């Protein structure tokens, strides 16, 4: 249960792959890459890059979205990427921002205009339908459609 690979095709014909493992030895590699007809965007750690016919360039992170750099412990204190990620607090800053957005909404305060629109219960049900389709596909060894919710 520490690894997965999901191949998918959207209703508009976009093909994609999601892959993850937290039990691998070696340095952390967290990359998100989106390729389209006008170029490619990718996130590698805290760096966002864009490449197209004009070349490759780093996209500056807006100051209000920048997170403090995590402080990694010595390498001899952990064994897997999962251990390293959670011992450094790599995910602490983004989740702190998320918790702060939840707090503001719970208190009825005006959301920060720069934060995304909050997910709804319907969004959660739709996400669960995707996970159900992934599990069904793995169990049946074939492609399956996500059920409409």
Protein backbone atom coordinates (compact mmCIF):
# COMPACT_ATOMS: atom_id res chain seq x y z
CA UNK A 1 0.00 0.00 0.00
CA UNK A 2 2.96 2.40 -0.26
CA UNK A 3 3.00 2.65 -4.07
CA UNK A 4 0.55 3.15 -6.91
CA UNK A 5 0.37 3.87 -10.62
CA UNK A 6 -2.84 5.15 -12.22
CA UNK A 7 -3.25 5.52 -15.98
CA UNK A 8 -6.27 7.62 -16.92
CA UNK A 9 -8.06 9.31 -19.80
CA UNK A 10 -10.43 12.23 -19.24
CA UNK A 11 -13.75 12.62 -21.03
CA UNK A 12 -12.05 15.22 -23.27
CA UNK A 13 -9.37 12.71 -24.31
CA UNK A 14 -6.46 13.87 -22.14
CA UNK A 15 -4.20 10.94 -21.14
CA UNK A 16 -2.34 11.00 -17.85
CA UNK A 17 -0.36 9.00 -15.32
CA UNK A 18 -0.24 9.40 -11.54
CA UNK A 19 2.58 7.50 -9.84
CA UNK A 20 3.82 7.50 -6.27
CA UNK A 21 5.85 5.51 -3.80
CA UNK A 22 6.92 6.45 -0.29
CA UNK A 23 8.96 3.32 0.38
CA UNK A 24 11.76 4.00 -2.11
CA UNK A 25 15.35 4.49 -1.02
CA UNK A 26 17.21 7.56 -2.20
CA UNK A 27 16.50 11.25 -2.42
CA UNK A 28 13.01 12.63 -2.49
CA UNK A 29 11.59 13.23 -5.96
CA UNK A 30 8.30 15.10 -6.11
CA UNK A 31 7.45 16.24 -9.62
CA UNK A 32 4.19 17.24 -11.25
CA UNK A 33 4.31 17.70 -15.02
CA UNK A 34 1.51 18.85 -17.31
CA UNK A 35 2.14 18.85 -21.07
CA UNK A 36 -0.21 20.50 -23.52
CA UNK A 37 -0.37 21.91 -27.01
CA UNK A 38 1.07 25.28 -25.90
CA UNK A 39 3.89 23.99 -23.71
CA UNK A 40 4.76 22.12 -20.55
CA UNK A 41 4.55 23.19 -16.91
CA UNK A 42 6.22 21.32 -14.09
CA UNK A 43 6.69 21.63 -10.37
CA UNK A 44 9.82 20.13 -8.85
CA UNK A 45 9.89 20.76 -5.12
CA UNK A 46 9.24 24.49 -4.75
CA UNK A 47 10.31 25.34 -8.31
CA UNK A 48 7.77 25.90 -11.08
CA UNK A 49 9.01 25.87 -14.69
CA UNK A 50 7.47 26.46 -18.11
CA UNK A 51 8.80 25.32 -21.48
CA UNK A 52 7.46 26.06 -24.95
CA UNK A 53 8.75 26.91 -28.43
CA UNK A 54 10.39 30.06 -26.98
CA UNK A 55 12.48 28.08 -24.48
CA UNK A 56 12.51 27.05 -20.84
CA UNK A 57 12.13 29.37 -17.87
CA UNK A 58 11.39 29.34 -14.17
CA UNK A 59 8.05 30.84 -13.12
CA UNK A 60 8.43 33.15 -10.12
CA UNK A 61 6.39 32.14 -7.06
CA UNK A 62 4.24 35.04 -5.81
CA UNK A 63 5.45 36.22 -2.41
CA UNK A 64 2.14 35.35 -0.73
CA UNK A 65 2.45 31.71 -1.90
CA UNK A 66 6.10 31.16 -0.91
CA UNK A 67 6.68 28.71 1.96
CA UNK A 68 9.66 28.69 4.32
CA UNK A 69 12.34 26.16 3.41
CA UNK A 70 12.12 22.90 5.41
CA UNK A 71 15.01 22.07 7.73
CA UNK A 72 16.13 18.51 6.97
CA UNK A 73 17.70 16.35 9.70
CA UNK A 74 20.93 14.38 9.14
CA UNK A 75 20.44 11.54 6.62
CA UNK A 76 21.28 8.86 9.19
CA UNK A 77 18.04 9.58 11.11
CA UNK A 78 15.68 8.21 8.45
CA UNK A 79 15.44 5.26 6.11
CA UNK A 80 12.82 6.06 3.47
CA UNK A 81 11.53 9.06 1.55
CA UNK A 82 8.39 8.94 3.72
CA UNK A 83 10.51 9.25 6.88
CA UNK A 84 12.45 12.18 5.39
CA UNK A 85 9.36 14.03 4.15
CA UNK A 86 7.59 13.89 7.51
CA UNK A 87 10.66 14.51 9.65
CA UNK A 88 11.57 17.71 7.76
CA UNK A 89 8.16 19.30 7.95
CA UNK A 90 8.20 19.56 4.15
CA UNK A 91 4.42 19.47 4.12
CA UNK A 92 3.95 21.56 7.29
CA UNK A 93 3.75 25.04 5.70
CA UNK A 94 1.12 24.17 3.05
CA UNK A 95 -1.04 22.37 5.61
CA UNK A 96 -0.68 25.24 8.06
CA UNK A 97 -2.02 27.57 5.35
CA UNK A 98 -4.86 25.14 4.65
CA UNK A 99 -5.75 24.91 8.35
CA UNK A 100 -5.72 28.71 8.59
CA UNK A 101 -8.14 28.93 5.64
CA UNK A 102 -10.43 26.40 7.40
CA UNK A 103 -10.23 28.44 10.62
CA UNK A 104 -11.20 31.65 8.85
CA UNK A 105 -14.19 29.97 7.21
CA UNK A 106 -15.32 28.32 10.46
CA UNK A 107 -15.17 31.70 12.20
CA UNK A 108 -17.18 33.27 9.36
CA UNK A 109 -14.31 35.55 8.34
CA UNK A 110 -13.85 36.72 4.78
CA UNK A 111 -11.60 34.31 2.84
CA UNK A 112 -8.27 35.62 1.61
CA UNK A 113 -8.90 36.73 -2.02
CA UNK A 114 -5.78 34.81 -3.12
CA UNK A 115 -6.88 31.44 -1.77
CA UNK A 116 -8.75 28.94 -3.93
CA UNK A 117 -12.49 28.49 -3.63
CA UNK A 118 -13.24 25.96 -0.90
CA UNK A 119 -14.14 22.42 -1.95
CA UNK A 120 -17.73 21.34 -1.45
CA UNK A 121 -19.23 18.09 -0.22
CA UNK A 122 -20.11 17.37 -3.86
CA UNK A 123 -16.41 17.77 -4.76
CA UNK A 124 -15.58 15.20 -2.08
CA UNK A 125 -18.16 12.75 -3.43
CA UNK A 126 -16.78 13.22 -6.96
CA UNK A 127 -13.23 12.58 -5.69
CA UNK A 128 -14.41 9.42 -3.95
CA UNK A 129 -15.99 8.23 -7.23
CA UNK A 130 -12.55 8.53 -8.87
CA UNK A 131 -10.93 6.50 -6.07
CA UNK A 132 -13.70 3.87 -6.33
CA UNK A 133 -13.06 3.59 -10.10
CA UNK A 134 -9.31 3.19 -9.53
CA UNK A 135 -9.91 0.36 -7.03
CA UNK A 136 -12.45 -1.31 -9.33
CA UNK A 137 -10.04 -1.09 -12.26
CA UNK A 138 -7.27 -2.71 -10.22
CA UNK A 139 -9.61 -5.44 -8.93
CA UNK A 140 -11.02 -6.25 -12.37
CA UNK A 141 -7.81 -5.71 -14.36
CA UNK A 142 -9.43 -3.40 -16.90
CA UNK A 143 -10.27 0.22 -17.57
CA UNK A 144 -13.47 1.47 -16.00
CA UNK A 145 -15.43 4.70 -16.24
CA UNK A 146 -15.84 6.94 -13.23
CA UNK A 147 -19.47 6.88 -12.18
CA UNK A 148 -21.24 10.22 -12.52
CA UNK A 149 -22.33 11.71 -9.20
